[in-house]
Amino acid sequence: MTPRVTVVVPSYNRATCLTDTLASLLAQTVRPTQIIVVDDGSTDDTAEACRGFPPPVEYVRRPNGGCPAARNTGIRAATGEYIALLDADDVWEPTKLEVQLALHAARPEIGWSVTNHMTTDRRGEPLPGVQGFARDLPAFRATGQAPEDFFATDLAPFEFTAAGARHRAFAGDPFELLFYGNFILPSSALLRRTVIEKAGLFDEGLRYAEETEFFHRVGAAAPLGVVMTPLVRWRRGRADSLISGKNAEPLIRNALLSLDRAVALRKSTPRAHHLYATGRQRLLQKLAYTQLSNLDPRAARDTVRQAWAERVAPSFGTLEIYAGSLLPRSALRALQTLKHKLH
């Protein structure tokens, strides 16, 4: 029997995208049994957009509380054995759910799975350049590895057949790999309900990097399956950025918090401790650079000193940032203007 699957779709002022998103769910070769759209206090026509869709689409409205709270609202209302996540401006390829359920049937030991994706503009057209995991997710930027090499470090490769095609995949314990940074696109994730019950819901106190923190808990709770086939279209557009000047600093601070929480989830191995320490160094350097870019040289120096206190010797990057923090603000503004022009 096909397992019952609930798809949770948080939405805030995404009515113009939501129609395509829901249509992609209803076009699945294996249909979800429940689709919950959680309207997080939208001020647009989200309710009207949902009204045009038949069951299994359900509409739930809540006061605005952020994406983690909206996702948790949907998860609590879910009736499925599996729970899938999908952001309101992304779409699934028609065989996405069929392929992931086949993966879980082939490898019953895994508790959750993710797939590769394609990054597109708002019309759904692929953006130029490298695609998928390597383009968008922090772990691959941190290691410089190709996705298949990265996953093969800790996960076992295999192939399986689903939806009339062969698919390359990996399975195993992702816990230590996640110290390199997040490699999970939420819109690709399919999780057993029992795994979420074990790991816990999203932390509603985190408005940034909440996915990194959540998936590390999930990774500590159950083995992961990774499908290398791109089965999600992540609609971003050329000008979109996950890290703007406004939210970069809280995002990095929450990523540091996520690392500190993750290292306490299990008895630390020497490798896990090393990855934790190098991950903190990488994030502290990134935080200091962000603070300097935001014309806060004193905060940048404090962060650099913190990074130096946690390692044997200063890195070249932190030395550059520290030296830059000693420049007058007028010089920093001039450098910032030059950087923007070069971009």
Protein backbone atom coordinates (compact mmCIF):
# COMPACT_ATOMS: atom_id res chain seq x y z
CA MET A 1 0.00 0.00 0.00
CA THR A 2 1.18 3.54 -0.76
CA PRO A 3 2.00 5.38 2.48
CA ARG A 4 -0.06 8.42 3.40
CA VAL A 5 1.91 11.62 2.74
CA THR A 6 1.12 15.10 4.04
CA VAL A 7 2.73 18.07 2.31
CA VAL A 8 3.14 21.21 4.43
CA VAL A 9 3.27 24.45 2.41
CA PRO A 10 3.95 27.62 4.48
CA SER A 11 3.00 30.77 2.61
CA TYR A 12 3.41 34.47 3.28
CA ASN A 13 2.28 36.79 0.47
CA ARG A 14 3.06 34.22 -2.21
CA ALA A 15 -0.36 34.06 -3.92
CA THR A 16 1.15 34.68 -7.36
CA CYS A 17 3.46 31.65 -7.00
CA LEU A 18 1.18 29.40 -4.99
CA THR A 19 -1.02 28.36 -7.91
CA ASP A 20 1.92 26.72 -9.72
CA THR A 21 3.16 25.17 -6.48
CA LEU A 22 -0.16 23.47 -5.68
CA ALA A 23 -0.68 22.43 -9.29
CA SER A 24 2.67 20.60 -9.17
CA LEU A 25 1.48 18.64 -6.12
CA LEU A 26 -1.80 17.63 -7.74
CA ALA A 27 0.13 16.56 -10.86
CA GLN A 28 2.27 14.05 -8.95
CA THR A 29 2.32 10.51 -10.35
CA VAL A 30 1.78 9.42 -6.74
CA ARG A 31 -0.49 12.03 -5.18
CA PRO A 32 -0.13 13.27 -1.59
CA THR A 33 -3.07 12.33 0.61
CA GLN A 34 -3.09 15.72 2.36
CA ILE A 35 -1.78 19.16 1.31
CA ILE A 36 -1.85 21.80 4.06
CA VAL A 37 -1.29 25.41 3.03
CA VAL A 38 -0.45 27.42 6.14
CA ASP A 39 -1.17 31.09 5.47
CA ASP A 40 1.19 32.94 7.81
CA GLY A 41 -0.84 36.13 8.10
CA SER A 42 -0.64 37.07 4.41
CA THR A 43 -2.06 40.38 3.21
CA ASP A 44 -2.45 39.27 -0.43
CA ASP A 45 -4.90 36.86 -2.16
CA THR A 46 -3.48 33.64 -0.69
CA ALA A 47 -6.89 32.49 0.60
CA GLU A 48 -8.48 33.11 -2.79
CA ALA A 49 -5.68 31.25 -4.58
CA CYS A 50 -6.26 28.18 -2.38
CA ARG A 51 -10.03 28.30 -2.78
CA GLY A 52 -9.71 27.24 -6.40
CA PHE A 53 -8.10 23.89 -5.52
CA PRO A 54 -9.98 20.73 -4.57
CA PRO A 55 -9.15 18.30 -1.75
CA PRO A 56 -6.68 17.12 -0.64
CA VAL A 57 -5.70 20.84 -0.46
CA GLU A 58 -6.54 22.30 2.95
CA TYR A 59 -6.18 25.98 3.90
CA VAL A 60 -5.15 27.04 7.42
CA ARG A 61 -4.65 30.66 8.42
CA ARG A 62 -2.62 31.81 11.41
CA PRO A 63 -1.26 35.15 12.67
CA ASN A 64 2.12 36.00 11.19
CA GLY A 65 4.82 34.23 13.18
CA GLY A 66 7.50 33.31 10.67
CA CYS A 67 8.24 30.24 8.59
CA PRO A 68 9.22 27.90 11.49
CA ALA A 69 5.92 28.55 13.28
CA ALA A 70 3.96 28.10 10.04
CA ARG A 71 5.70 24.80 9.30
CA ASN A 72 5.03 23.58 12.83
CA THR A 73 1.35 24.47 12.48
CA GLY A 74 1.16 22.29 9.38
CA ILE A 75 3.13 19.43 10.92
CA ARG A 76 0.83 19.36 13.95
CA ALA A 77 -2.21 19.12 11.66
CA ALA A 78 -0.67 16.42 9.45
CA THR A 79 -2.26 12.97 9.30
CA GLY A 80 0.29 11.30 7.02
CA GLU A 81 2.83 8.63 7.87
CA TYR A 82 5.28 10.81 5.95
CA ILE A 83 5.54 14.60 6.04
CA ALA A 84 7.00 16.54 3.11
CA LEU A 85 8.02 20.19 3.11
CA LEU A 86 7.49 22.55 0.19
CA ASP A 87 7.91 26.33 0.14
CA ALA A 88 5.13 28.27 -1.53
CA ASP A 89 7.29 29.54 -4.40
CA ASP A 90 8.85 26.20 -5.37
CA VAL A 91 7.49 23.36 -7.51
CA TRP A 92 7.96 19.59 -7.66
CA GLU A 93 8.71 17.59 -10.77
CA PRO A 94 5.83 15.14 -11.48
CA THR A 95 7.68 12.02 -10.26
CA LYS A 96 9.23 13.56 -7.15
CA LEU A 97 7.08 11.83 -4.57
CA GLU A 98 7.00 8.52 -6.43
CA VAL A 99 10.80 8.40 -6.58
CA GLN A 100 11.30 9.23 -2.90
CA LEU A 101 8.74 6.70 -1.73
CA ALA A 102 10.49 4.08 -3.89
CA LEU A 103 13.77 5.02 -2.22
CA HIS A 104 12.24 4.53 1.23
CA ALA A 105 10.80 1.17 0.15
CA ALA A 106 14.20 0.08 -1.17
CA ARG A 107 16.02 1.26 1.96
CA PRO A 108 13.59 0.90 4.89
CA GLU A 109 16.31 1.84 7.38
CA ILE A 110 16.32 5.50 6.28
CA GLY A 111 14.03 7.84 8.17
CA TRP A 112 14.13 10.78 5.77
CA SER A 113 15.25 11.68 2.29
CA VAL A 114 16.10 14.64 0.09
CA THR A 115 16.64 15.18 -3.62
CA ASN A 116 18.74 17.35 -5.86
CA HIS A 117 17.11 20.41 -7.42
CA MET A 118 17.25 22.89 -10.26
CA THR A 119 17.45 26.64 -9.60
CA THR A 120 15.20 28.69 -11.86
CA ASP A 121 13.98 32.20 -12.39
CA ARG A 122 10.44 33.20 -11.42
CA ARG A 123 9.12 31.85 -14.72
CA GLY A 124 10.63 28.45 -14.05
CA GLU A 125 13.50 28.80 -16.52
CA PRO A 126 16.82 27.31 -15.31
CA LEU A 127 19.47 29.83 -14.34
CA PRO A 128 22.83 29.55 -16.16
CA GLY A 129 25.87 27.90 -14.66
CA VAL A 130 26.31 25.07 -12.18
CA GLN A 131 23.02 23.67 -10.91
CA GLY A 132 21.65 21.89 -7.86
CA PHE A 133 23.48 21.04 -4.66
CA ALA A 134 26.80 22.58 -5.72
CA ARG A 135 25.25 25.92 -6.70
CA ASP A 136 23.19 26.80 -3.68
CA LEU A 137 24.05 25.01 -0.44
CA PRO A 138 26.77 26.00 2.06
CA ALA A 139 28.37 22.60 2.65
CA PHE A 140 29.67 22.38 -0.91
CA ARG A 141 31.08 25.90 -0.85
CA ALA A 142 32.84 25.07 2.43
CA THR A 143 34.47 21.87 1.14
CA GLY A 144 34.92 22.67 -2.55
CA GLN A 145 33.90 19.07 -3.28
CA ALA A 146 31.57 17.86 -5.97
CA PRO A 147 28.30 16.63 -4.41
CA GLU A 148 28.90 12.95 -5.23
CA ASP A 149 32.38 13.06 -3.65
CA PHE A 150 31.00 14.89 -0.63
CA PHE A 151 28.20 12.39 0.02
CA ALA A 152 30.48 9.40 -0.60
CA THR A 153 32.61 10.50 2.37
CA ASP A 154 30.04 9.14 4.85
CA LEU A 155 27.15 7.70 2.84
CA ALA A 156 26.98 4.52 0.74
CA PRO A 157 26.25 4.92 -3.01
CA PHE A 158 23.67 2.75 -4.76
CA GLU A 159 21.13 2.84 -7.57
CA PHE A 160 17.43 2.07 -7.65
CA THR A 161 14.62 2.10 -10.20
CA ALA A 162 11.56 4.32 -9.87
CA ALA A 163 9.13 6.02 -12.24
CA GLY A 164 10.64 4.17 -15.19
CA ALA A 165 14.21 5.39 -14.64
CA ARG A 166 17.41 4.51 -12.76
CA HIS A 167 18.44 6.91 -10.02
CA ARG A 168 21.81 7.41 -8.34
CA ALA A 169 21.48 7.73 -4.57
CA PHE A 170 23.33 7.65 -1.25
CA ALA A 171 22.23 6.43 2.19
CA GLY A 172 23.68 6.49 5.68
CA ASP A 173 24.41 8.64 8.71
CA PRO A 174 24.59 12.36 7.74
CA PHE A 175 25.32 13.72 11.21
CA GLU A 176 29.01 14.58 10.81
CA LEU A 177 28.61 15.79 7.22
CA LEU A 178 26.18 18.45 8.46
CA PHE A 179 29.00 20.15 10.41
CA TYR A 180 30.30 21.38 7.04
CA GLY A 181 27.08 23.34 6.65
CA ASN A 182 23.55 22.71 5.49
CA PHE A 183 23.11 20.65 2.31
CA ILE A 184 19.32 20.21 2.55
CA LEU A 185 16.84 22.14 0.44
CA PRO A 186 13.69 22.05 2.61
CA SER A 187 11.40 21.79 -0.44
CA SER A 188 13.01 18.44 -1.25
CA ALA A 189 12.68 16.86 2.21
CA LEU A 190 10.41 13.88 2.96
CA LEU A 191 10.42 12.69 6.58
CA ARG A 192 8.78 9.89 8.49
CA ARG A 193 6.47 11.33 11.12
CA THR A 194 8.26 9.22 13.77
CA VAL A 195 11.56 10.91 12.94
CA ILE A 196 10.10 14.39 13.51
CA GLU A 197 8.56 13.16 16.77
CA LYS A 198 12.01 12.00 17.86
CA ALA A 199 13.95 15.07 16.65
CA GLY A 200 11.39 17.73 17.58
CA LEU A 201 9.75 20.52 15.61
CA PHE A 202 11.36 23.65 14.15
CA ASP A 203 12.64 26.14 16.73
CA GLU A 204 10.16 29.02 16.43
CA GLY A 205 12.61 31.37 18.13
CA LEU A 206 14.93 31.22 15.12
CA ARG A 207 13.91 33.35 12.13
CA TYR A 208 17.16 32.62 10.25
CA ALA A 209 19.12 29.36 9.83
CA GLU A 210 16.26 27.49 11.52
CA GLU A 211 16.50 24.82 8.82
CA THR A 212 20.18 24.18 9.56
CA GLU A 213 19.39 23.66 13.24
CA PHE A 214 16.35 21.46 12.52
CA PHE A 215 18.03 19.19 9.98
CA HIS A 216 21.04 18.59 12.22
CA ARG A 217 18.65 17.31 14.89
CA VAL A 218 16.93 15.16 12.28
CA GLY A 219 20.33 13.90 11.09
CA ALA A 220 21.16 12.83 14.64
CA ALA A 221 17.84 10.99 14.87
CA ALA A 222 17.79 8.88 11.69
CA PRO A 223 19.75 7.77 8.60
CA LEU A 224 19.29 9.83 5.42
CA GLY A 225 18.69 8.96 1.78
CA VAL A 226 19.86 11.35 -0.97
CA VAL A 227 18.52 11.17 -4.54
CA MET A 228 20.90 12.80 -7.00
CA THR A 229 18.15 13.37 -9.59
CA PRO A 230 16.88 16.99 -9.55
CA LEU A 231 13.19 16.67 -8.61
CA VAL A 232 12.47 20.19 -7.30
CA ARG A 233 12.50 23.55 -9.08
CA TRP A 234 13.73 26.17 -6.64
CA ARG A 235 12.38 29.44 -8.01
CA ARG A 236 14.69 32.25 -6.98
CA GLY A 237 15.44 34.61 -9.84
CA ARG A 238 18.76 36.23 -10.65
CA ALA A 239 18.52 38.99 -8.04
CA ASP A 240 17.37 36.81 -5.12
CA SER A 241 19.80 36.18 -2.28
CA LEU A 242 19.55 34.08 0.82
CA ILE A 243 21.86 36.46 2.66
CA SER A 244 21.08 40.16 2.36
CA GLY A 245 22.90 42.89 4.23
CA LYS A 246 19.91 43.10 6.53
CA ASN A 247 19.74 39.49 7.67
CA ALA A 248 23.30 38.18 7.17
CA GLU A 249 24.48 38.78 10.74
CA PRO A 250 21.54 37.10 12.55
CA LEU A 251 21.70 34.23 10.05
CA ILE A 252 25.39 33.61 10.82
CA ARG A 253 24.81 33.91 14.58
CA ASN A 254 22.02 31.34 14.37
CA ALA A 255 24.27 29.05 12.34
CA LEU A 256 26.83 29.28 15.16
CA LEU A 257 24.10 28.46 17.66
CA SER A 258 23.11 25.48 15.52
CA LEU A 259 26.69 24.17 15.59
CA ASP A 260 26.88 24.52 19.38
CA ARG A 261 23.61 22.65 19.79
CA ALA A 262 24.55 19.93 17.30
CA VAL A 263 27.84 19.01 18.93
CA ALA A 264 25.91 18.23 22.13
CA LEU A 265 23.47 15.86 20.41
CA ARG A 266 25.87 12.91 20.44
CA LYS A 267 29.05 11.81 22.16
CA SER A 268 31.64 13.64 20.08
CA THR A 269 34.15 11.73 17.98
CA PRO A 270 37.56 13.31 17.21
CA ARG A 271 36.38 13.98 13.65
CA ALA A 272 33.10 15.54 14.78
CA HIS A 273 34.99 17.78 17.23
CA HIS A 274 37.41 18.85 14.47
CA LEU A 275 34.56 19.61 12.05
CA TYR A 276 32.76 21.54 14.77
CA ALA A 277 35.85 23.63 15.56
CA THR A 278 36.65 24.39 11.90
CA GLY A 279 32.98 25.15 11.25
CA ARG A 280 32.99 27.71 14.05
CA GLN A 281 36.15 29.30 12.65
CA ARG A 282 34.60 29.56 9.20
CA LEU A 283 31.42 31.14 10.57
CA LEU A 284 33.26 33.54 12.90
CA GLN A 285 35.38 34.78 10.01
CA LYS A 286 32.23 35.20 7.91
CA LEU A 287 30.55 37.08 10.76
CA ALA A 288 33.53 39.42 11.18
CA TYR A 289 33.57 40.14 7.43
CA THR A 290 29.84 40.88 7.52
CA GLN A 291 30.26 43.24 10.46
CA LEU A 292 33.06 45.04 8.65
CA SER A 293 30.90 45.29 5.51
CA ASN A 294 28.15 46.78 7.68
CA LEU A 295 30.64 49.46 8.84
CA ASP A 296 30.89 48.13 12.40
CA PRO A 297 34.70 47.74 12.75
CA ARG A 298 34.65 47.40 16.55
CA ALA A 299 32.28 44.40 16.37
CA ALA A 300 34.43 42.91 13.60
CA ARG A 301 37.56 43.19 15.77
CA ASP A 302 35.77 41.58 18.71
CA THR A 303 34.68 38.67 16.53
CA VAL A 304 38.18 38.22 15.11
CA ARG A 305 39.60 38.15 18.64
CA GLN A 306 37.05 35.50 19.56
CA ALA A 307 38.11 33.43 16.53
CA TRP A 308 41.76 33.76 17.49
CA ALA A 309 41.01 32.67 21.05
CA GLU A 310 39.53 29.43 19.71
CA ARG A 311 42.47 28.36 17.50
CA VAL A 312 46.24 27.97 17.75
CA ALA A 313 47.18 30.71 15.27
CA PRO A 314 45.36 33.49 13.41
CA SER A 315 44.27 32.72 9.86
CA PHE A 316 45.22 34.93 6.93
CA GLY A 317 41.57 35.85 6.39
CA THR A 318 41.04 37.06 9.95
CA LEU A 319 44.28 39.06 9.80
CA GLU A 320 42.98 40.85 6.69
CA ILE A 321 39.68 41.62 8.41
CA TYR A 322 41.40 42.88 11.54
CA ALA A 323 43.64 45.15 9.48
CA GLY A 324 40.62 46.44 7.58
CA SER A 325 38.82 47.20 10.83
CA LEU A 326 41.57 49.70 11.71
CA LEU A 327 40.86 51.83 8.64
CA PRO A 328 38.82 55.03 9.03
CA ARG A 329 35.13 54.75 8.20
CA SER A 330 35.58 56.96 5.13
CA ALA A 331 38.04 54.43 3.71
CA LEU A 332 35.70 51.54 4.49
CA ARG A 333 32.84 53.32 2.72
CA ALA A 334 35.06 53.94 -0.32
CA LEU A 335 36.04 50.26 -0.44
CA GLN A 336 32.39 49.26 -0.12
CA THR A 337 31.41 51.55 -3.00
CA LEU A 338 34.19 50.09 -5.15
CA LYS A 339 33.08 46.54 -4.37
CA HIS A 340 29.49 47.34 -5.38
CA LYS A 341 30.67 48.86 -8.65
CA LEU A 342 32.78 45.79 -9.41
CA HIS A 343 29.77 43.55 -8.76
